[in-house]
Amino acid sequence: MPTELLSPEERAGQLFWIGFRGTTLDLGVKSLLERVRPGAVILFARNIESALQVRRLNDAITRTLRIPPFIALDQEGGRVNRLKAILGPIAPNLALAGRADAAEAVGRQAGAMARALRGLGFSVNLAPVLDLSGPEASNGIGDRAFGEDPNTVCRLARVFVQAHLRSGIIPVGKHFPGLGSARADTHLALPVISKSRRQLNREDLIPYRRLGRSLPMIMAGHASYPVLQKAPGPATLSRPVIEGLLRRDLGYRGLIITDDLEMGAVEQEQGPTSQALAALAAGNDGLMFCASREKILEAYDGVLRALRQGELDDRRIARSLRKIRLLKERFLGPRHRTRFSREALQRSRRVLAALGAGDVTGPDPTARI
C-alpha cells in the first residue's frame, strides 16, 4: 500500500518488529497486534510447540493485520534452533565450515531450513551470522559463525543467502558492523570493540561490503566502536555507524533493522521511546522489541506521538516505509504462500539429519523466556 495512504497509526506500526508470549493468538496478543499494527512479528521457542500449531499461529497473525507482516525467527542452526521440536537437532555453522564439502553442506542445510520456514508460514530468517568468530563463547557468537576468516564467511554466507532467496525466504545478515571480537555477550552487557578503522575495513566489514547487494536486510548489533562513533553507546543508535558507514560509505540500499532493543547492551534507563527515536535518528528502518508488552506499547505510542507532532523527518520515515513496502511486495505476495505439508517438513528433517547435528553444546544466547 502506498505510504501516503497509510494512517499515522499504520506508519508508526510498520516500523516495529515485535514479539509476544504464548502459542496461540489469544485476546491479549490479538489486541496488541491490532493496537500496534506491527510491520513484523518475531517468534521464539516459547511460541512454538508443533508444526501445525505454528502454521496456524502464523496464518492467524497474517489475517489479523490489514497490512501483511513479515513473520520472522532466528533459525541459524546449532544452538540457535527455534524449530528443534519440528526439525530436530541441526549442525552449527562452524561445524559445517570445517567440512571438506563446506559450501555444499551449507547449501543443503540452508535450503532445507528455508523450505521448512516457508511451509510453516515464515517469511524472514534472522540469519546468517556474518560475525568473524572462532568457537569461544564470551562474545555470544562462537559456533554460530562460519569462522574467523572473512573470505570463508563471505563464501559460505553467500551460499546460505542464495539458498534462502531461492526458497522465497528473506535472509538477514547480522550483526553489523561485527561482534566477533567482543568480549561480552550483547544480550547481557555492552561490549566495547577497540579495533582500528583499518582493522574493521580489512576484517569485519568485508562480508557486508561483498554481500550487501545480495542481502535484502541487515541487522545492526549492540556493541560500541569508539573509532566509528562520536558518542558512547551501542552502534545501533549511532548515526555515524548506521547512516554514515552502512548507508553512505558501504552504499547499502536494503532494509536495516535493530537487534532487540530490550537487550542488556542497550541502556535501559533511557526508556523504550528514547531508544526507538534514537534508533530511527541513526538511520534504522525497523525497531525490534521482543518481549515486553509494556515496552512495545510505550515505544509505539512515543513514535506515533513524534510523527503526529512533526518531531520526525517525514522524508526520512517515508524512505523507510517505502523500503518496507517494496520488500513486502517482493516476498509476501499470494504466490509466496505455500500450503502446509507434513511430508515436505519430513523431507527437510531428513536432509538436516543426514548432515549430522555436530557438537551442539551450551545454551542458546538468543533465547527469550
Protein backbone atom coordinates (compact mmCIF):
# COMPACT_ATOMS: atom_id res chain seq x y z
CA MET A 1 0.00 0.00 0.00
CA PRO A 2 1.46 3.42 -0.94
CA THR A 3 2.88 5.33 2.02
CA GLU A 4 0.57 8.30 1.53
CA LEU A 5 -2.47 6.04 2.06
CA LEU A 6 -1.30 4.84 5.49
CA SER A 7 -2.81 6.30 8.64
CA PRO A 8 -0.39 7.76 11.23
CA GLU A 9 -1.00 4.66 13.35
CA GLU A 10 -0.05 2.39 10.45
CA ARG A 11 3.01 4.48 9.60
CA ALA A 12 4.29 4.11 13.14
CA GLY A 13 3.37 0.43 13.36
CA GLN A 14 5.14 -0.58 10.16
CA LEU A 15 8.44 0.40 11.79
CA PHE A 16 8.03 -2.14 14.62
CA TRP A 17 9.20 -5.74 14.91
CA ILE A 18 7.57 -7.23 18.00
CA GLY A 19 7.45 -10.46 19.95
CA PHE A 20 4.86 -11.84 22.36
CA ARG A 21 4.29 -14.73 24.74
CA GLY A 22 2.06 -17.72 24.08
CA THR A 23 1.41 -20.29 21.38
CA THR A 24 -1.97 -19.05 20.18
CA LEU A 25 -3.46 -15.76 19.11
CA ASP A 26 -5.36 -15.18 22.34
CA LEU A 27 -7.27 -12.00 23.08
CA GLY A 28 -4.27 -10.31 24.68
CA VAL A 29 -1.96 -10.95 21.72
CA LYS A 30 -4.70 -10.05 19.23
CA SER A 31 -5.31 -6.73 20.98
CA LEU A 32 -1.58 -5.98 20.95
CA LEU A 33 -1.38 -6.62 17.21
CA GLU A 34 -4.49 -4.55 16.50
CA ARG A 35 -3.14 -1.69 18.61
CA VAL A 36 0.42 -1.57 17.25
CA ARG A 37 -0.20 -2.80 13.68
CA PRO A 38 3.41 -4.02 13.52
CA GLY A 39 5.31 -4.32 10.31
CA ALA A 40 6.81 -7.58 11.55
CA VAL A 41 6.24 -10.23 14.20
CA ILE A 42 9.03 -12.39 15.67
CA LEU A 43 8.51 -15.87 17.06
CA PHE A 44 10.73 -17.60 19.63
CA ALA A 45 10.86 -21.11 21.03
CA ARG A 46 8.28 -20.00 23.60
CA ASN A 47 5.78 -19.61 20.73
CA ILE A 48 6.44 -22.95 19.04
CA GLU A 49 5.02 -26.35 20.01
CA SER A 50 4.37 -28.22 16.78
CA ALA A 51 4.36 -27.75 13.03
CA LEU A 52 0.62 -27.38 12.58
CA GLN A 53 0.32 -25.15 15.64
CA VAL A 54 2.95 -22.69 14.38
CA ARG A 55 1.49 -22.59 10.88
CA ARG A 56 -1.96 -21.86 12.31
CA LEU A 57 -0.47 -19.16 14.53
CA ASN A 58 1.32 -17.52 11.61
CA ASP A 59 -1.81 -17.64 9.47
CA ALA A 60 -3.84 -16.09 12.30
CA ILE A 61 -1.28 -13.28 12.70
CA THR A 62 -1.47 -12.52 8.99
CA ARG A 63 -5.29 -12.49 8.98
CA THR A 64 -5.39 -10.10 11.94
CA LEU A 65 -3.35 -7.35 10.28
CA ARG A 66 -4.57 -5.25 7.36
CA ILE A 67 -1.02 -4.89 6.05
CA PRO A 68 0.62 -8.33 5.88
CA PRO A 69 3.53 -8.51 8.33
CA PHE A 70 6.93 -10.03 7.95
CA ILE A 71 6.94 -13.11 10.20
CA ALA A 72 10.44 -13.86 11.43
CA LEU A 73 12.52 -16.06 13.68
CA ASP A 74 16.19 -16.88 14.32
CA GLN A 75 16.87 -20.21 12.64
CA GLU A 76 20.65 -20.27 12.37
CA GLY A 77 21.28 -23.91 13.22
CA GLY A 78 23.32 -25.29 16.12
CA ARG A 79 22.36 -23.71 19.42
CA VAL A 80 20.03 -21.21 17.76
CA ASN A 81 17.39 -23.65 16.55
CA ARG A 82 13.88 -22.37 17.18
CA LEU A 83 12.39 -25.30 15.27
CA LYS A 84 14.19 -28.09 17.11
CA ALA A 85 10.87 -29.68 18.09
CA ILE A 86 9.93 -29.81 14.40
CA LEU A 87 13.22 -30.27 12.52
CA GLY A 88 15.39 -31.93 15.16
CA PRO A 89 19.00 -31.02 16.06
CA ILE A 90 20.91 -29.07 13.40
CA ALA A 91 24.64 -28.64 12.87
CA PRO A 92 26.25 -25.33 13.91
CA ASN A 93 27.65 -23.16 11.15
CA LEU A 94 31.20 -23.57 12.43
CA ALA A 95 30.90 -27.36 12.17
CA LEU A 96 29.70 -27.11 8.58
CA ALA A 97 32.53 -24.71 7.76
CA GLY A 98 35.06 -27.32 8.90
CA ARG A 99 33.87 -29.95 6.43
CA ALA A 100 35.67 -30.73 3.17
CA ASP A 101 32.36 -30.10 1.36
CA ALA A 102 31.54 -26.99 3.40
CA ALA A 103 29.77 -24.99 0.68
CA GLU A 104 27.66 -27.95 -0.41
CA ALA A 105 26.75 -28.77 3.19
CA VAL A 106 25.78 -25.16 3.97
CA GLY A 107 23.66 -25.06 0.81
CA ARG A 108 21.81 -28.25 1.71
CA GLN A 109 21.22 -27.18 5.29
CA ALA A 110 20.19 -23.62 4.45
CA GLY A 111 17.88 -24.84 1.68
CA ALA A 112 16.19 -27.43 3.90
CA MET A 113 15.66 -24.85 6.65
CA ALA A 114 14.31 -22.24 4.24
CA ARG A 115 11.83 -24.65 2.65
CA ALA A 116 10.60 -25.64 6.10
CA LEU A 117 10.26 -22.00 7.13
CA ARG A 118 8.14 -21.18 4.10
CA GLY A 119 5.90 -24.17 4.69
CA LEU A 120 5.39 -23.06 8.30
CA GLY A 121 4.32 -19.57 7.24
CA PHE A 122 7.52 -17.61 7.90
CA SER A 123 8.94 -15.02 5.52
CA VAL A 124 12.14 -13.89 7.28
CA ASN A 125 15.06 -15.76 8.82
CA LEU A 126 17.22 -13.60 11.08
CA ALA A 127 20.36 -15.24 9.71
CA PRO A 128 23.12 -15.69 8.57
CA VAL A 129 25.60 -14.59 11.19
CA LEU A 130 28.32 -12.57 9.41
CA ASP A 131 30.44 -12.04 12.52
CA LEU A 132 34.03 -13.33 12.43
CA SER A 133 34.38 -15.73 15.35
CA GLY A 134 36.04 -18.91 16.49
CA PRO A 135 34.39 -21.29 18.95
CA GLU A 136 34.89 -19.13 22.05
CA ALA A 137 31.62 -18.27 23.75
CA SER A 138 32.45 -14.98 25.52
CA ASN A 139 31.27 -12.90 22.56
CA GLY A 140 27.87 -14.59 22.40
CA ILE A 141 28.69 -15.78 18.86
CA GLY A 142 31.11 -18.72 18.95
CA ASP A 143 29.98 -21.59 16.72
CA ARG A 144 27.10 -19.53 15.34
CA ALA A 145 29.66 -18.02 12.93
CA PHE A 146 31.23 -19.62 9.86
CA GLY A 147 34.70 -18.85 11.22
CA GLU A 148 37.24 -16.10 11.76
CA ASP A 149 38.40 -15.71 8.15
CA PRO A 150 36.33 -13.10 6.29
CA ASN A 151 36.81 -14.86 2.97
CA THR A 152 35.38 -18.11 4.38
CA VAL A 153 32.49 -16.25 5.99
CA CYS A 154 31.68 -14.48 2.71
CA ARG A 155 31.85 -17.67 0.66
CA LEU A 156 29.61 -19.72 2.96
CA ALA A 157 27.23 -16.92 3.90
CA ARG A 158 26.65 -16.24 0.20
CA VAL A 159 25.57 -19.88 -0.24
CA PHE A 160 23.23 -19.53 2.78
CA VAL A 161 21.73 -16.31 1.41
CA GLN A 162 21.19 -17.68 -2.08
CA ALA A 163 19.51 -20.85 -0.76
CA HIS A 164 17.06 -18.73 1.22
CA LEU A 165 16.28 -16.37 -1.62
CA ARG A 166 15.60 -19.31 -3.97
CA SER A 167 13.06 -20.60 -1.44
CA GLY A 168 11.36 -17.22 -1.03
CA ILE A 169 12.70 -16.56 2.47
CA ILE A 170 14.33 -13.23 3.32
CA PRO A 171 17.78 -13.69 4.90
CA VAL A 172 19.14 -11.09 7.32
CA GLY A 173 22.90 -10.53 7.69
CA LYS A 174 23.95 -9.82 11.26
CA HIS A 175 25.34 -8.22 13.46
CA PHE A 176 26.67 -5.06 11.76
CA PRO A 177 29.44 -3.91 11.98
CA GLY A 178 30.61 -7.18 13.62
CA LEU A 179 30.62 -8.78 17.08
CA GLY A 180 33.37 -11.34 16.61
CA SER A 181 35.98 -9.56 18.72
CA ALA A 182 33.56 -8.64 21.51
CA ARG A 183 34.44 -9.85 24.98
CA ALA A 184 30.90 -9.74 26.31
CA ASP A 185 27.55 -11.05 25.15
CA THR A 186 25.36 -8.17 23.94
CA HIS A 187 22.31 -9.94 25.38
CA LEU A 188 23.79 -9.16 28.80
CA ALA A 189 26.13 -6.16 28.52
CA LEU A 190 27.56 -3.58 26.11
CA PRO A 191 30.92 -4.72 24.67
CA VAL A 192 33.44 -2.09 23.62
CA ILE A 193 35.30 -3.13 20.46
CA SER A 194 38.60 -1.31 20.21
CA LYS A 195 39.63 -2.30 16.69
CA SER A 196 41.02 0.41 14.43
CA ARG A 197 39.08 1.51 11.39
CA ARG A 198 41.73 -0.18 9.24
CA GLN A 199 41.19 -3.48 11.07
CA LEU A 200 37.43 -3.23 10.71
CA ASN A 201 37.74 -2.50 7.00
CA ARG A 202 40.11 -5.42 6.43
CA GLU A 203 38.15 -7.87 8.58
CA ASP A 204 34.64 -7.38 10.00
CA LEU A 205 33.23 -5.15 7.26
CA ILE A 206 34.26 -7.38 4.35
CA PRO A 207 31.12 -9.59 4.48
CA TYR A 208 28.87 -6.52 4.38
CA ARG A 209 30.85 -4.95 1.56
CA ARG A 210 30.78 -8.12 -0.56
CA LEU A 211 27.29 -9.39 0.25
CA GLY A 212 25.41 -6.11 0.66
CA ARG A 213 23.79 -6.24 -2.78
CA SER A 214 22.51 -9.76 -2.13
CA LEU A 215 21.08 -9.06 1.33
CA PRO A 216 17.56 -7.63 1.49
CA MET A 217 18.08 -6.89 5.21
CA ILE A 218 20.90 -6.25 7.65
CA MET A 219 20.60 -6.27 11.43
CA ALA A 220 22.64 -3.77 13.45
CA GLY A 221 24.34 -5.10 16.59
CA HIS A 222 24.63 -3.63 20.06
CA ALA A 223 28.37 -3.10 20.55
CA SER A 224 30.28 0.15 20.94
CA TYR A 225 33.03 1.06 18.43
CA PRO A 226 34.89 4.16 19.67
CA VAL A 227 36.71 4.57 16.37
CA LEU A 228 33.41 4.80 14.47
CA GLN A 229 31.17 6.65 16.92
CA LYS A 230 31.04 10.22 18.14
CA ALA A 231 29.46 9.22 21.45
CA PRO A 232 29.49 6.11 23.65
CA GLY A 233 26.67 3.60 23.50
CA PRO A 234 25.54 0.84 21.11
CA ALA A 235 26.32 1.29 17.43
CA THR A 236 22.66 0.53 16.76
CA LEU A 237 21.80 4.03 17.99
CA SER A 238 24.73 5.77 16.26
CA ARG A 239 24.07 7.80 13.13
CA PRO A 240 27.76 7.73 12.05
CA VAL A 241 27.60 3.92 12.07
CA ILE A 242 24.16 3.28 10.51
CA GLU A 243 23.54 6.23 8.21
CA GLY A 244 27.21 7.12 7.76
CA LEU A 245 29.12 3.85 7.47
CA LEU A 246 26.46 1.37 6.32
CA ARG A 247 24.31 3.61 4.13
CA ARG A 248 26.79 6.18 2.78
CA ASP A 249 30.22 4.53 2.85
CA LEU A 250 29.20 0.94 2.05
CA GLY A 251 26.30 2.02 -0.15
CA TYR A 252 23.78 -0.36 1.39
CA ARG A 253 20.29 0.14 -0.05
CA GLY A 254 18.30 -2.56 1.74
CA LEU A 255 16.34 -2.60 4.98
CA ILE A 256 18.22 -2.04 8.25
CA ILE A 257 16.69 -3.36 11.46
CA THR A 258 17.93 -3.12 15.03
CA ASP A 259 18.71 -6.08 17.20
CA ASP A 260 16.33 -6.38 20.15
CA LEU A 261 16.17 -3.02 21.93
CA GLU A 262 15.34 -4.83 25.18
CA MET A 263 18.78 -6.47 25.35
CA GLY A 264 21.22 -5.76 28.15
CA ALA A 265 23.63 -3.91 25.85
CA VAL A 266 21.13 -1.08 25.37
CA GLU A 267 20.89 1.49 28.14
CA GLN A 268 17.51 0.63 29.62
CA GLU A 269 17.32 3.79 31.73
CA GLN A 270 16.64 5.77 28.55
CA GLY A 271 13.26 4.17 28.23
CA PRO A 272 11.71 2.49 25.18
CA THR A 273 10.59 5.71 23.48
CA SER A 274 14.04 7.30 23.64
CA GLN A 275 15.62 4.11 22.35
CA ALA A 276 13.16 3.88 19.45
CA LEU A 277 13.58 7.52 18.45
CA ALA A 278 17.37 7.27 18.72
CA ALA A 279 17.35 4.17 16.51
CA LEU A 280 15.27 5.96 13.88
CA ALA A 281 17.51 9.03 14.06
CA ALA A 282 20.52 6.77 13.49
CA GLY A 283 19.00 5.53 10.23
CA ASN A 284 17.37 2.20 11.12
CA ASP A 285 14.21 1.19 9.28
CA GLY A 286 12.94 -1.37 11.81
CA LEU A 287 12.68 -1.25 15.61
CA MET A 288 12.82 -4.59 17.41
CA PHE A 289 11.16 -5.14 20.80
CA CYS A 290 10.92 -8.85 21.51
CA ALA A 291 9.28 -9.48 24.87
CA SER A 292 7.69 -6.76 26.99
CA ARG A 293 4.15 -5.69 26.07
CA GLU A 294 4.62 -2.57 28.20
CA LYS A 295 7.82 -1.53 26.40
CA ILE A 296 6.33 -2.25 22.99
CA LEU A 297 3.31 -0.05 23.70
CA GLU A 298 5.38 2.73 25.26
CA ALA A 299 7.76 2.81 22.29
CA TYR A 300 4.90 2.67 19.78
CA ASP A 301 2.97 5.46 21.47
CA GLY A 302 6.16 7.55 21.61
CA VAL A 303 6.93 7.10 17.91
CA LEU A 304 3.30 7.78 16.95
CA ARG A 305 3.31 10.96 19.04
CA ALA A 306 6.59 12.09 17.44
CA LEU A 307 5.14 11.50 13.98
CA ARG A 308 1.99 13.48 14.76
CA GLN A 309 3.93 16.36 16.30
CA GLY A 310 6.38 16.62 13.42
CA GLU A 311 9.37 15.60 15.52
CA LEU A 312 10.44 13.02 12.93
CA ASP A 313 11.60 13.86 9.42
CA ASP A 314 8.70 12.88 7.15
CA ARG A 315 11.01 12.21 4.20
CA ARG A 316 13.26 10.05 6.34
CA ILE A 317 10.32 7.95 7.61
CA ALA A 318 8.81 7.77 4.12
CA ARG A 319 12.08 6.30 2.88
CA SER A 320 11.88 3.51 5.47
CA LEU A 321 8.20 2.84 4.76
CA ARG A 322 8.88 2.65 1.03
CA LYS A 323 11.66 0.08 1.57
CA ILE A 324 9.35 -1.97 3.80
CA ARG A 325 6.53 -1.81 1.23
CA LEU A 326 8.73 -2.83 -1.70
CA LEU A 327 10.22 -5.77 0.18
CA LYS A 328 6.77 -6.95 1.20
CA GLU A 329 5.54 -6.69 -2.37
CA ARG A 330 8.51 -8.81 -3.45
CA PHE A 331 8.22 -11.54 -0.81
CA LEU A 332 4.72 -11.53 0.71
CA GLY A 333 2.52 -11.78 -2.35
CA PRO A 334 -0.05 -14.58 -2.72
CA ARG A 335 2.32 -16.66 -4.86
CA HIS A 336 4.66 -16.91 -1.86
CA ARG A 337 2.03 -18.58 0.32
CA THR A 338 2.83 -22.29 0.48
CA ARG A 339 0.38 -24.91 1.67
CA PHE A 340 1.19 -26.77 4.87
CA SER A 341 2.75 -30.17 4.17
CA ARG A 342 3.95 -32.63 6.79
CA GLU A 343 5.67 -34.60 4.03
CA ALA A 344 7.71 -31.58 2.95
CA LEU A 345 8.73 -30.93 6.54
CA GLN A 346 9.82 -34.53 6.92
CA ARG A 347 11.94 -34.20 3.78
CA SER A 348 13.66 -31.16 5.29
CA ARG A 349 14.17 -33.01 8.56
CA ARG A 350 15.80 -35.94 6.74
CA VAL A 351 18.18 -33.63 4.86
CA LEU A 352 19.20 -31.94 8.10
CA ALA A 353 19.64 -35.23 9.95
CA ALA A 354 21.86 -36.57 7.17
CA LEU A 355 24.19 -33.61 7.68
CA GLY A 356 24.59 -34.51 11.36
CA ALA A 357 23.99 -32.32 14.38
CA GLY A 358 27.68 -31.74 15.05
CA ASP A 359 28.75 -30.79 18.54
CA VAL A 360 25.84 -28.68 19.76
CA THR A 361 26.76 -27.65 23.29
CA GLY A 362 25.93 -24.73 25.52
CA PRO A 363 22.84 -22.55 25.86
CA ASP A 364 21.14 -20.53 23.16
CA PRO A 365 22.27 -16.94 23.86
CA THR A 366 19.39 -15.55 21.81
CA ALA A 367 16.59 -17.30 23.70
CA ARG A 368 13.77 -15.24 25.20
CA ILE A 369 11.87 -16.90 28.02
